[in-house]
Amino acid sequence: MRQTKYCIQDYVLKSKYKEIAYREEFQQELTFVLPFAYWHHLNGTLGRTISSKFTKELYFFSEQHEERYETRVDRYIGNNYEIPNMYHCPTVSFSKWAQVPLKQHYKNDLFIFSKPLLVIANKYNTEWGKGPINYFSIAMLGEILDRYSDTYQIVYNRPGAKYIVMDNSDILELKEADFIRKNYPEVVLAEDLYQANRTHVNNYNHFQLMLYANCDRFLSVHGGTAALASYFGGKNIILSKRGHEHRYNEFKTIFPALSGAEVYHAKSDAEVLELLKRHY
């Protein structure tokens, strides 16, 4: 209903009038804001975009993009819902929502491996004011790496605080990097790969986009981590034990729509292993 007031500007005048500013959660920026901005770009009505640091590469299509914010915030009180579908709606409208071709734009010859690539995108953060809930433990990582490191070139990705813009969650220490280096030297740590290729990328987000663009198999966890991994087609198994996404079935609506990826939702470690066995 809020979008009806823009009918003349969007469908008749079609000038570059639209300014889209956002500084809240990364997942909702990926699932709702970025596709809304891209729709306006395709429509010829996108004027400028404003977001947090390290987002210029996400908005590659925006002629005027400003990285204004140093940190992300919780939902604003009294938000006016200028962006469609925000905050986990029971139904989703795709009328002003368009797939953003991140895979096509960032496909490259830099991150090429001799075996098929499998990216494990993990996190270990506070969630909803409590301790970590949705994450791959060291024991679970060992189980996965034992089973799949011979078949795939696995790249393990858990960005540190210095590489991303922080929000209302705190990044905690899992100490899995030393475990992987000691026990699985064939597995590549994304941070090491990033440092080895600093001259080829602008920042860690740019690196992730280039790495993910060359990948068709992902294993990710609830939140922006899972949303980003769903942008690149192929298959994405998401571990999500809790969240509004369950209630509104978003792993079968919004997440697959981001790129046409096959998205599989697991609510437990056992379900992750079963989905891996079936699909990978």
C-alpha atoms as a PDB file:
ATOM      1  CA  MET A   1       0.000   0.000   0.000  1.00  0.00           C
ATOM      2  CA  ARG A   2       2.836   2.391   0.827  1.00  0.00           C
ATOM      3  CA  GLN A   3       4.251   1.939  -2.669  1.00  0.00           C
ATOM      4  CA  THR A   4       1.074   3.196  -4.384  1.00  0.00           C
ATOM      5  CA  LYS A   5       2.072   6.802  -3.715  1.00  0.00           C
ATOM      6  CA  TYR A   6       5.042   6.303  -6.046  1.00  0.00           C
ATOM      7  CA  CYS A   7       3.027   4.992  -9.024  1.00  0.00           C
ATOM      8  CA  ILE A   8       3.387   8.127 -11.146  1.00  0.00           C
ATOM      9  CA  GLN A   9       7.110   8.489 -10.406  1.00  0.00           C
ATOM     10  CA  ASP A  10       7.837   4.803 -10.946  1.00  0.00           C
ATOM     11  CA  TYR A  11       5.674   4.053 -13.964  1.00  0.00           C
ATOM     12  CA  VAL A  12       4.985   7.365 -15.723  1.00  0.00           C
ATOM     13  CA  LEU A  13       7.668   9.994 -15.100  1.00  0.00           C
ATOM     14  CA  LYS A  14      10.475   7.493 -14.433  1.00  0.00           C
ATOM     15  CA  SER A  15      13.122  10.038 -13.456  1.00  0.00           C
ATOM     16  CA  LYS A  16      16.087   9.040 -11.286  1.00  0.00           C
ATOM     17  CA  TYR A  17      14.407  10.209  -8.111  1.00  0.00           C
ATOM     18  CA  LYS A  18      14.792   7.286  -5.715  1.00  0.00           C
ATOM     19  CA  GLU A  19      17.161   7.498  -2.752  1.00  0.00           C
ATOM     20  CA  ILE A  20      17.477   4.293  -0.747  1.00  0.00           C
ATOM     21  CA  ALA A  21      19.254   4.503   2.613  1.00  0.00           C
ATOM     22  CA  TYR A  22      19.724   1.570   4.964  1.00  0.00           C
ATOM     23  CA  ARG A  23      21.919   0.747   7.976  1.00  0.00           C
ATOM     24  CA  GLU A  24      20.167  -2.101   9.765  1.00  0.00           C
ATOM     25  CA  GLU A  25      20.719  -5.877   9.671  1.00  0.00           C
ATOM     26  CA  PHE A  26      22.855  -7.339   6.885  1.00  0.00           C
ATOM     27  CA  GLN A  27      20.443 -10.180   6.124  1.00  0.00           C
ATOM     28  CA  GLN A  28      17.522  -7.874   5.412  1.00  0.00           C
ATOM     29  CA  GLU A  29      19.740  -5.635   3.326  1.00  0.00           C
ATOM     30  CA  LEU A  30      20.497  -8.650   1.150  1.00  0.00           C
ATOM     31  CA  THR A  31      17.001 -10.127   1.027  1.00  0.00           C
ATOM     32  CA  PHE A  32      14.924  -6.948   0.676  1.00  0.00           C
ATOM     33  CA  VAL A  33      16.934  -3.742   0.226  1.00  0.00           C
ATOM     34  CA  LEU A  34      19.434  -4.758  -2.445  1.00  0.00           C
ATOM     35  CA  PRO A  35      16.778  -6.351  -4.732  1.00  0.00           C
ATOM     36  CA  PHE A  36      14.561  -3.268  -4.247  1.00  0.00           C
ATOM     37  CA  ALA A  37      17.438  -0.994  -5.264  1.00  0.00           C
ATOM     38  CA  TYR A  38      18.220  -3.190  -8.261  1.00  0.00           C
ATOM     39  CA  TRP A  39      14.585  -3.070  -9.358  1.00  0.00           C
ATOM     40  CA  HIS A  40      14.785   0.723  -9.366  1.00  0.00           C
ATOM     41  CA  HIS A  41      18.038   0.504 -11.325  1.00  0.00           C
ATOM     42  CA  LEU A  42      16.373  -1.652 -13.978  1.00  0.00           C
ATOM     43  CA  ASN A  43      13.366   0.652 -13.924  1.00  0.00           C
ATOM     44  CA  GLY A  44      15.540   3.710 -14.545  1.00  0.00           C
ATOM     45  CA  THR A  45      14.419   5.380 -11.312  1.00  0.00           C
ATOM     46  CA  LEU A  46      17.402   4.782  -8.995  1.00  0.00           C
ATOM     47  CA  GLY A  47      19.025   8.033  -7.946  1.00  0.00           C
ATOM     48  CA  ARG A  48      21.409   7.097  -5.139  1.00  0.00           C
ATOM     49  CA  THR A  49      22.007   4.459  -2.474  1.00  0.00           C
ATOM     50  CA  ILE A  50      23.363   4.868   1.050  1.00  0.00           C
ATOM     51  CA  SER A  51      24.581   2.062   3.279  1.00  0.00           C
ATOM     52  CA  SER A  52      27.404   0.944   5.585  1.00  0.00           C
ATOM     53  CA  LYS A  53      31.121   0.562   4.934  1.00  0.00           C
ATOM     54  CA  PHE A  54      32.225  -2.187   2.555  1.00  0.00           C
ATOM     55  CA  THR A  55      28.973  -2.216   0.563  1.00  0.00           C
ATOM     56  CA  LYS A  56      30.020  -0.459  -2.642  1.00  0.00           C
ATOM     57  CA  GLU A  57      30.615  -3.773  -4.367  1.00  0.00           C
ATOM     58  CA  LEU A  58      27.128  -5.019  -3.429  1.00  0.00           C
ATOM     59  CA  TYR A  59      25.626  -1.922  -5.058  1.00  0.00           C
ATOM     60  CA  PHE A  60      27.853  -2.129  -8.141  1.00  0.00           C
ATOM     61  CA  PHE A  61      24.905  -1.016 -10.284  1.00  0.00           C
ATOM     62  CA  SER A  62      24.332   2.220  -8.359  1.00  0.00           C
ATOM     63  CA  GLU A  63      25.757   5.307 -10.055  1.00  0.00           C
ATOM     64  CA  GLN A  64      25.883   7.098  -6.703  1.00  0.00           C
ATOM     65  CA  HIS A  65      26.596   4.915  -3.695  1.00  0.00           C
ATOM     66  CA  GLU A  66      27.698   6.337  -0.355  1.00  0.00           C
ATOM     67  CA  GLU A  67      29.226   4.216   2.408  1.00  0.00           C
ATOM     68  CA  ARG A  68      27.986   6.467   5.182  1.00  0.00           C
ATOM     69  CA  TYR A  69      27.628   4.283   8.277  1.00  0.00           C
ATOM     70  CA  GLU A  70      30.403   2.842  10.450  1.00  0.00           C
ATOM     71  CA  THR A  71      28.096   0.459  12.334  1.00  0.00           C
ATOM     72  CA  ARG A  72      24.731  -1.190  11.804  1.00  0.00           C
ATOM     73  CA  VAL A  73      21.802  -0.722  14.192  1.00  0.00           C
ATOM     74  CA  ASP A  74      18.677  -2.516  15.364  1.00  0.00           C
ATOM     75  CA  ARG A  75      15.378  -1.750  13.690  1.00  0.00           C
ATOM     76  CA  TYR A  76      14.415   1.914  13.999  1.00  0.00           C
ATOM     77  CA  ILE A  77      11.351   2.633  16.107  1.00  0.00           C
ATOM     78  CA  GLY A  78       8.589   3.942  13.871  1.00  0.00           C
ATOM     79  CA  ASN A  79      10.166   2.733  10.647  1.00  0.00           C
ATOM     80  CA  ASN A  80       7.939   3.801   7.774  1.00  0.00           C
ATOM     81  CA  TYR A  81       8.247   0.644   5.643  1.00  0.00           C
ATOM     82  CA  GLU A  82       9.487   2.525   2.604  1.00  0.00           C
ATOM     83  CA  ILE A  83      11.167  -0.701   1.467  1.00  0.00           C
ATOM     84  CA  PRO A  84       8.676  -3.457   0.578  1.00  0.00           C
ATOM     85  CA  ASN A  85       8.571  -6.773   2.475  1.00  0.00           C
ATOM     86  CA  MET A  86      10.661  -5.594   5.410  1.00  0.00           C
ATOM     87  CA  TYR A  87      10.658  -7.246   8.834  1.00  0.00           C
ATOM     88  CA  HIS A  88       9.477 -10.748   7.958  1.00  0.00           C
ATOM     89  CA  CYS A  89       6.098 -10.324   6.298  1.00  0.00           C
ATOM     90  CA  PRO A  90       3.609 -13.231   6.157  1.00  0.00           C
ATOM     91  CA  THR A  91       3.427 -12.762   2.385  1.00  0.00           C
ATOM     92  CA  VAL A  92       6.057 -11.493  -0.020  1.00  0.00           C
ATOM     93  CA  SER A  93       5.565  -9.166  -2.985  1.00  0.00           C
ATOM     94  CA  PHE A  94       8.040  -9.391  -5.854  1.00  0.00           C
ATOM     95  CA  SER A  95       6.514  -6.458  -7.757  1.00  0.00           C
ATOM     96  CA  LYS A  96       9.456  -4.188  -6.869  1.00  0.00           C
ATOM     97  CA  TRP A  97      12.073  -6.848  -6.267  1.00  0.00           C
ATOM     98  CA  ALA A  98      14.656  -8.075  -8.772  1.00  0.00           C
ATOM     99  CA  GLN A  99      17.453 -10.648  -8.654  1.00  0.00           C
ATOM    100  CA  VAL A 100      20.830  -8.945  -8.382  1.00  0.00           C
ATOM    101  CA  PRO A 101      23.324 -10.709 -10.690  1.00  0.00           C
ATOM    102  CA  LEU A 102      26.226 -10.852  -8.248  1.00  0.00           C
ATOM    103  CA  LYS A 103      27.441 -14.204  -9.588  1.00  0.00           C
ATOM    104  CA  GLN A 104      27.542 -13.025 -13.178  1.00  0.00           C
ATOM    105  CA  HIS A 105      29.170  -9.725 -12.267  1.00  0.00           C
ATOM    106  CA  TYR A 106      31.908 -11.152 -10.048  1.00  0.00           C
ATOM    107  CA  LYS A 107      32.724 -14.416 -11.842  1.00  0.00           C
ATOM    108  CA  ASN A 108      36.510 -14.498 -12.224  1.00  0.00           C
ATOM    109  CA  ASP A 109      39.631 -16.489 -13.095  1.00  0.00           C
ATOM    110  CA  LEU A 110      41.377 -15.769  -9.798  1.00  0.00           C
ATOM    111  CA  PHE A 111      39.749 -18.229  -7.415  1.00  0.00           C
ATOM    112  CA  ILE A 112      40.016 -21.437  -9.417  1.00  0.00           C
ATOM    113  CA  PHE A 113      40.808 -24.789  -7.793  1.00  0.00           C
ATOM    114  CA  SER A 114      41.584 -28.292  -9.046  1.00  0.00           C
ATOM    115  CA  LYS A 115      38.561 -29.762  -7.220  1.00  0.00           C
ATOM    116  CA  PRO A 116      34.957 -28.497  -7.027  1.00  0.00           C
ATOM    117  CA  LEU A 117      34.682 -25.681  -4.523  1.00  0.00           C
ATOM    118  CA  LEU A 118      32.650 -25.981  -1.318  1.00  0.00           C
ATOM    119  CA  VAL A 119      32.402 -22.887   0.882  1.00  0.00           C
ATOM    120  CA  ILE A 120      31.539 -23.371   4.551  1.00  0.00           C
ATOM    121  CA  ALA A 121      30.225 -20.017   5.787  1.00  0.00           C
ATOM    122  CA  ASN A 122      30.083 -20.065   9.574  1.00  0.00           C
ATOM    123  CA  LYS A 123      29.508 -17.573  12.381  1.00  0.00           C
ATOM    124  CA  TYR A 124      29.905 -17.612  16.154  1.00  0.00           C
ATOM    125  CA  ASN A 125      28.052 -14.574  17.491  1.00  0.00           C
ATOM    126  CA  THR A 126      25.704 -13.557  20.225  1.00  0.00           C
ATOM    127  CA  GLU A 127      22.126 -13.871  18.956  1.00  0.00           C
ATOM    128  CA  TRP A 128      18.989 -12.154  20.253  1.00  0.00           C
ATOM    129  CA  GLY A 129      20.880 -10.939  23.315  1.00  0.00           C
ATOM    130  CA  LYS A 130      22.069 -14.425  24.237  1.00  0.00           C
ATOM    131  CA  GLY A 131      24.923 -16.752  23.367  1.00  0.00           C
ATOM    132  CA  PRO A 132      25.533 -18.385  19.972  1.00  0.00           C
ATOM    133  CA  ILE A 133      22.664 -20.531  18.673  1.00  0.00           C
ATOM    134  CA  ASN A 134      23.139 -21.038  14.938  1.00  0.00           C
ATOM    135  CA  TYR A 135      26.709 -22.139  14.218  1.00  0.00           C
ATOM    136  CA  PHE A 136      28.907 -25.088  13.277  1.00  0.00           C
ATOM    137  CA  SER A 137      30.857 -26.286  16.319  1.00  0.00           C
ATOM    138  CA  ILE A 138      34.427 -27.571  16.079  1.00  0.00           C
ATOM    139  CA  ALA A 139      33.143 -31.128  16.480  1.00  0.00           C
ATOM    140  CA  MET A 140      30.651 -30.602  13.659  1.00  0.00           C
ATOM    141  CA  LEU A 141      33.298 -29.027  11.434  1.00  0.00           C
ATOM    142  CA  GLY A 142      35.532 -32.049  12.031  1.00  0.00           C
ATOM    143  CA  GLU A 143      32.700 -34.364  10.989  1.00  0.00           C
ATOM    144  CA  ILE A 144      32.113 -32.403   7.777  1.00  0.00           C
ATOM    145  CA  LEU A 145      35.778 -32.051   6.869  1.00  0.00           C
ATOM    146  CA  ASP A 146      36.421 -35.751   7.473  1.00  0.00           C
ATOM    147  CA  ARG A 147      33.677 -36.648   5.008  1.00  0.00           C
ATOM    148  CA  TYR A 148      34.114 -34.045   2.243  1.00  0.00           C
ATOM    149  CA  SER A 149      37.640 -32.609   2.130  1.00  0.00           C
ATOM    150  CA  ASP A 150      38.754 -35.300  -0.336  1.00  0.00           C
ATOM    151  CA  THR A 151      35.881 -34.602  -2.739  1.00  0.00           C
ATOM    152  CA  TYR A 152      35.825 -30.818  -2.558  1.00  0.00           C
ATOM    153  CA  GLN A 153      38.258 -27.978  -2.192  1.00  0.00           C
ATOM    154  CA  ILE A 154      36.780 -26.617   1.007  1.00  0.00           C
ATOM    155  CA  VAL A 155      37.194 -22.965   1.887  1.00  0.00           C
ATOM    156  CA  TYR A 156      36.174 -22.155   5.443  1.00  0.00           C
ATOM    157  CA  ASN A 157      34.870 -18.623   5.974  1.00  0.00           C
ATOM    158  CA  ARG A 158      34.140 -16.875   9.271  1.00  0.00           C
ATOM    159  CA  PRO A 159      35.015 -13.167   8.943  1.00  0.00           C
ATOM    160  CA  GLY A 160      36.537 -11.442  11.942  1.00  0.00           C
ATOM    161  CA  ALA A 161      35.251  -8.150  13.333  1.00  0.00           C
ATOM    162  CA  LYS A 162      37.932  -6.133  11.535  1.00  0.00           C
ATOM    163  CA  TYR A 163      36.594  -7.212   8.150  1.00  0.00           C
ATOM    164  CA  ILE A 164      32.879  -6.468   8.524  1.00  0.00           C
ATOM    165  CA  VAL A 165      30.565  -3.775   9.868  1.00  0.00           C
ATOM    166  CA  MET A 166      29.308  -4.724  13.312  1.00  0.00           C
ATOM    167  CA  ASP A 167      25.661  -4.641  14.371  1.00  0.00           C
ATOM    168  CA  ASN A 168      23.914  -5.612  17.594  1.00  0.00           C
ATOM    169  CA  SER A 169      25.817  -8.926  17.823  1.00  0.00           C
ATOM    170  CA  ASP A 170      29.252  -9.581  19.274  1.00  0.00           C
ATOM    171  CA  ILE A 171      31.667 -11.909  17.483  1.00  0.00           C
ATOM    172  CA  LEU A 172      33.028 -14.520  19.891  1.00  0.00           C
ATOM    173  CA  GLU A 173      36.108 -16.732  19.698  1.00  0.00           C
ATOM    174  CA  LEU A 174      35.566 -20.290  18.495  1.00  0.00           C
ATOM    175  CA  LYS A 175      39.287 -21.105  18.018  1.00  0.00           C
ATOM    176  CA  GLU A 176      38.545 -23.291  15.013  1.00  0.00           C
ATOM    177  CA  ALA A 177      41.254 -21.815  12.770  1.00  0.00           C
ATOM    178  CA  ASP A 178      44.084 -23.538  14.653  1.00  0.00           C
ATOM    179  CA  PHE A 179      42.081 -26.764  14.708  1.00  0.00           C
ATOM    180  CA  ILE A 180      41.637 -26.678  10.934  1.00  0.00           C
ATOM    181  CA  ARG A 181      45.253 -25.736  10.211  1.00  0.00           C
ATOM    182  CA  LYS A 182      46.542 -28.564  12.414  1.00  0.00           C
ATOM    183  CA  ASN A 183      44.179 -31.341  11.355  1.00  0.00           C
ATOM    184  CA  TYR A 184      43.069 -30.395   7.822  1.00  0.00           C
ATOM    185  CA  PRO A 185      45.936 -28.642   5.995  1.00  0.00           C
ATOM    186  CA  GLU A 186      44.151 -29.263   2.684  1.00  0.00           C
ATOM    187  CA  VAL A 187      41.312 -26.954   3.766  1.00  0.00           C
ATOM    188  CA  VAL A 188      41.795 -23.297   2.883  1.00  0.00           C
ATOM    189  CA  LEU A 189      40.930 -20.625   5.443  1.00  0.00           C
ATOM    190  CA  ALA A 190      39.205 -17.712   3.744  1.00  0.00           C
ATOM    191  CA  GLU A 191      41.161 -15.171   5.775  1.00  0.00           C
ATOM    192  CA  ASP A 192      44.445 -16.660   4.539  1.00  0.00           C
ATOM    193  CA  LEU A 193      43.147 -16.623   0.969  1.00  0.00           C
ATOM    194  CA  TYR A 194      42.091 -13.001   1.381  1.00  0.00           C
ATOM    195  CA  GLN A 195      45.484 -11.934   2.715  1.00  0.00           C
ATOM    196  CA  ALA A 196      47.217 -13.700  -0.180  1.00  0.00           C
ATOM    197  CA  ASN A 197      45.083 -11.786  -2.682  1.00  0.00           C
ATOM    198  CA  ARG A 198      44.852  -8.323  -1.076  1.00  0.00           C
ATOM    199  CA  THR A 199      46.140  -6.634  -4.228  1.00  0.00           C
ATOM    200  CA  HIS A 200      43.256  -8.041  -6.270  1.00  0.00           C
ATOM    201  CA  VAL A 201      40.332  -7.041  -4.028  1.00  0.00           C
ATOM    202  CA  ASN A 202      39.099  -3.826  -2.449  1.00  0.00           C
ATOM    203  CA  ASN A 203      37.997  -5.252   0.895  1.00  0.00           C
ATOM    204  CA  TYR A 204      36.803  -8.481   2.512  1.00  0.00           C
ATOM    205  CA  ASN A 205      33.256  -8.159   1.143  1.00  0.00           C
ATOM    206  CA  HIS A 206      34.661  -7.782  -2.362  1.00  0.00           C
ATOM    207  CA  PHE A 207      36.783 -10.879  -1.756  1.00  0.00           C
ATOM    208  CA  GLN A 208      33.739 -12.860  -0.611  1.00  0.00           C
ATOM    209  CA  LEU A 209      31.783 -11.853  -3.696  1.00  0.00           C
ATOM    210  CA  MET A 210      34.580 -13.006  -5.990  1.00  0.00           C
ATOM    211  CA  LEU A 211      35.123 -16.262  -4.124  1.00  0.00           C
ATOM    212  CA  TYR A 212      31.407 -17.084  -3.923  1.00  0.00           C
ATOM    213  CA  ALA A 213      30.889 -16.232  -7.600  1.00  0.00           C
ATOM    214  CA  ASN A 214      33.082 -19.226  -8.490  1.00  0.00           C
ATOM    215  CA  CYS A 215      31.240 -21.612  -6.166  1.00  0.00           C
ATOM    216  CA  ASP A 216      28.155 -23.803  -6.629  1.00  0.00           C
ATOM    217  CA  ARG A 217      28.121 -25.576  -3.247  1.00  0.00           C
ATOM    218  CA  PHE A 218      27.596 -23.781   0.061  1.00  0.00           C
ATOM    219  CA  LEU A 219      27.090 -24.753   3.661  1.00  0.00           C
ATOM    220  CA  SER A 220      25.958 -21.775   5.738  1.00  0.00           C
ATOM    221  CA  VAL A 221      24.238 -20.711   8.935  1.00  0.00           C
ATOM    222  CA  HIS A 222      21.268 -18.521   9.837  1.00  0.00           C
ATOM    223  CA  GLY A 223      21.454 -14.792   9.084  1.00  0.00           C
ATOM    224  CA  GLY A 224      23.329 -12.670   6.594  1.00  0.00           C
ATOM    225  CA  THR A 225      25.809 -15.522   6.195  1.00  0.00           C
ATOM    226  CA  ALA A 226      23.063 -17.720   4.725  1.00  0.00           C
ATOM    227  CA  ALA A 227      21.558 -14.920   2.644  1.00  0.00           C
ATOM    228  CA  LEU A 228      24.872 -14.073   0.963  1.00  0.00           C
ATOM    229  CA  ALA A 229      25.530 -17.747   0.179  1.00  0.00           C
ATOM    230  CA  SER A 230      22.083 -17.951  -1.467  1.00  0.00           C
ATOM    231  CA  TYR A 231      23.008 -15.253  -4.020  1.00  0.00           C
ATOM    232  CA  PHE A 232      25.193 -17.490  -6.186  1.00  0.00           C
ATOM    233  CA  GLY A 233      23.028 -20.288  -7.521  1.00  0.00           C
ATOM    234  CA  GLY A 234      23.953 -23.917  -7.052  1.00  0.00           C
ATOM    235  CA  LYS A 235      23.032 -25.446  -3.695  1.00  0.00           C
ATOM    236  CA  ASN A 236      23.041 -23.989  -0.209  1.00  0.00           C
ATOM    237  CA  ILE A 237      22.392 -25.975   2.973  1.00  0.00           C
ATOM    238  CA  ILE A 238      21.443 -23.622   5.806  1.00  0.00           C
ATOM    239  CA  LEU A 239      21.650 -24.528   9.487  1.00  0.00           C
ATOM    240  CA  SER A 240      18.963 -22.493  11.245  1.00  0.00           C
ATOM    241  CA  LYS A 241      17.713 -23.689  14.608  1.00  0.00           C
ATOM    242  CA  ARG A 242      15.600 -20.653  15.400  1.00  0.00           C
ATOM    243  CA  GLY A 243      14.301 -17.476  13.758  1.00  0.00           C
ATOM    244  CA  HIS A 244      11.316 -15.694  12.215  1.00  0.00           C
ATOM    245  CA  GLU A 245      12.384 -17.186   8.894  1.00  0.00           C
ATOM    246  CA  HIS A 246      10.901 -20.502  10.035  1.00  0.00           C
ATOM    247  CA  ARG A 247       7.470 -19.047  10.762  1.00  0.00           C
ATOM    248  CA  TYR A 248       7.238 -17.232   7.441  1.00  0.00           C
ATOM    249  CA  ASN A 249       8.810 -20.013   5.366  1.00  0.00           C
ATOM    250  CA  GLU A 250      11.491 -17.686   4.000  1.00  0.00           C
ATOM    251  CA  PHE A 251      13.915 -20.502   3.224  1.00  0.00           C
ATOM    252  CA  LYS A 252      11.418 -21.605   0.552  1.00  0.00           C
ATOM    253  CA  THR A 253      10.451 -18.144  -0.711  1.00  0.00           C
ATOM    254  CA  ILE A 254      12.926 -15.278  -0.379  1.00  0.00           C
ATOM    255  CA  PHE A 255      16.200 -17.208  -0.093  1.00  0.00           C
ATOM    256  CA  PRO A 256      15.793 -19.336  -3.262  1.00  0.00           C
ATOM    257  CA  ALA A 257      14.528 -16.282  -5.147  1.00  0.00           C
ATOM    258  CA  LEU A 258      17.820 -14.446  -4.604  1.00  0.00           C
ATOM    259  CA  SER A 259      19.463 -16.406  -7.423  1.00  0.00           C
ATOM    260  CA  GLY A 260      17.425 -19.510  -8.146  1.00  0.00           C
ATOM    261  CA  ALA A 261      19.631 -21.523  -5.793  1.00  0.00           C
ATOM    262  CA  GLU A 262      18.470 -24.808  -4.322  1.00  0.00           C
ATOM    263  CA  VAL A 263      18.116 -23.961  -0.634  1.00  0.00           C
ATOM    264  CA  TYR A 264      17.854 -26.701   1.977  1.00  0.00           C
ATOM    265  CA  HIS A 265      16.967 -25.865   5.575  1.00  0.00           C
ATOM    266  CA  ALA A 266      18.370 -27.961   8.415  1.00  0.00           C
ATOM    267  CA  LYS A 267      17.282 -27.443  12.026  1.00  0.00           C
ATOM    268  CA  SER A 268      20.010 -29.601  13.575  1.00  0.00           C
ATOM    269  CA  ASP A 269      23.522 -30.902  12.946  1.00  0.00           C
ATOM    270  CA  ALA A 270      22.078 -34.330  12.157  1.00  0.00           C
ATOM    271  CA  GLU A 271      19.846 -32.809   9.462  1.00  0.00           C
ATOM    272  CA  VAL A 272      22.853 -30.989   7.993  1.00  0.00           C
ATOM    273  CA  LEU A 273      24.759 -34.249   7.648  1.00  0.00           C
ATOM    274  CA  GLU A 274      21.755 -35.958   6.092  1.00  0.00           C
ATOM    275  CA  LEU A 275      21.301 -33.155   3.556  1.00  0.00           C
ATOM    276  CA  LEU A 276      24.991 -33.232   2.726  1.00  0.00           C
ATOM    277  CA  LYS A 277      24.766 -36.967   2.115  1.00  0.00           C
ATOM    278  CA  ARG A 278      21.761 -36.534  -0.176  1.00  0.00           C
ATOM    279  CA  HIS A 279      22.804 -33.479  -2.165  1.00  0.00           C
ATOM    280  CA  TYR A 280      26.589 -33.202  -2.052  1.00  0.00           C
END
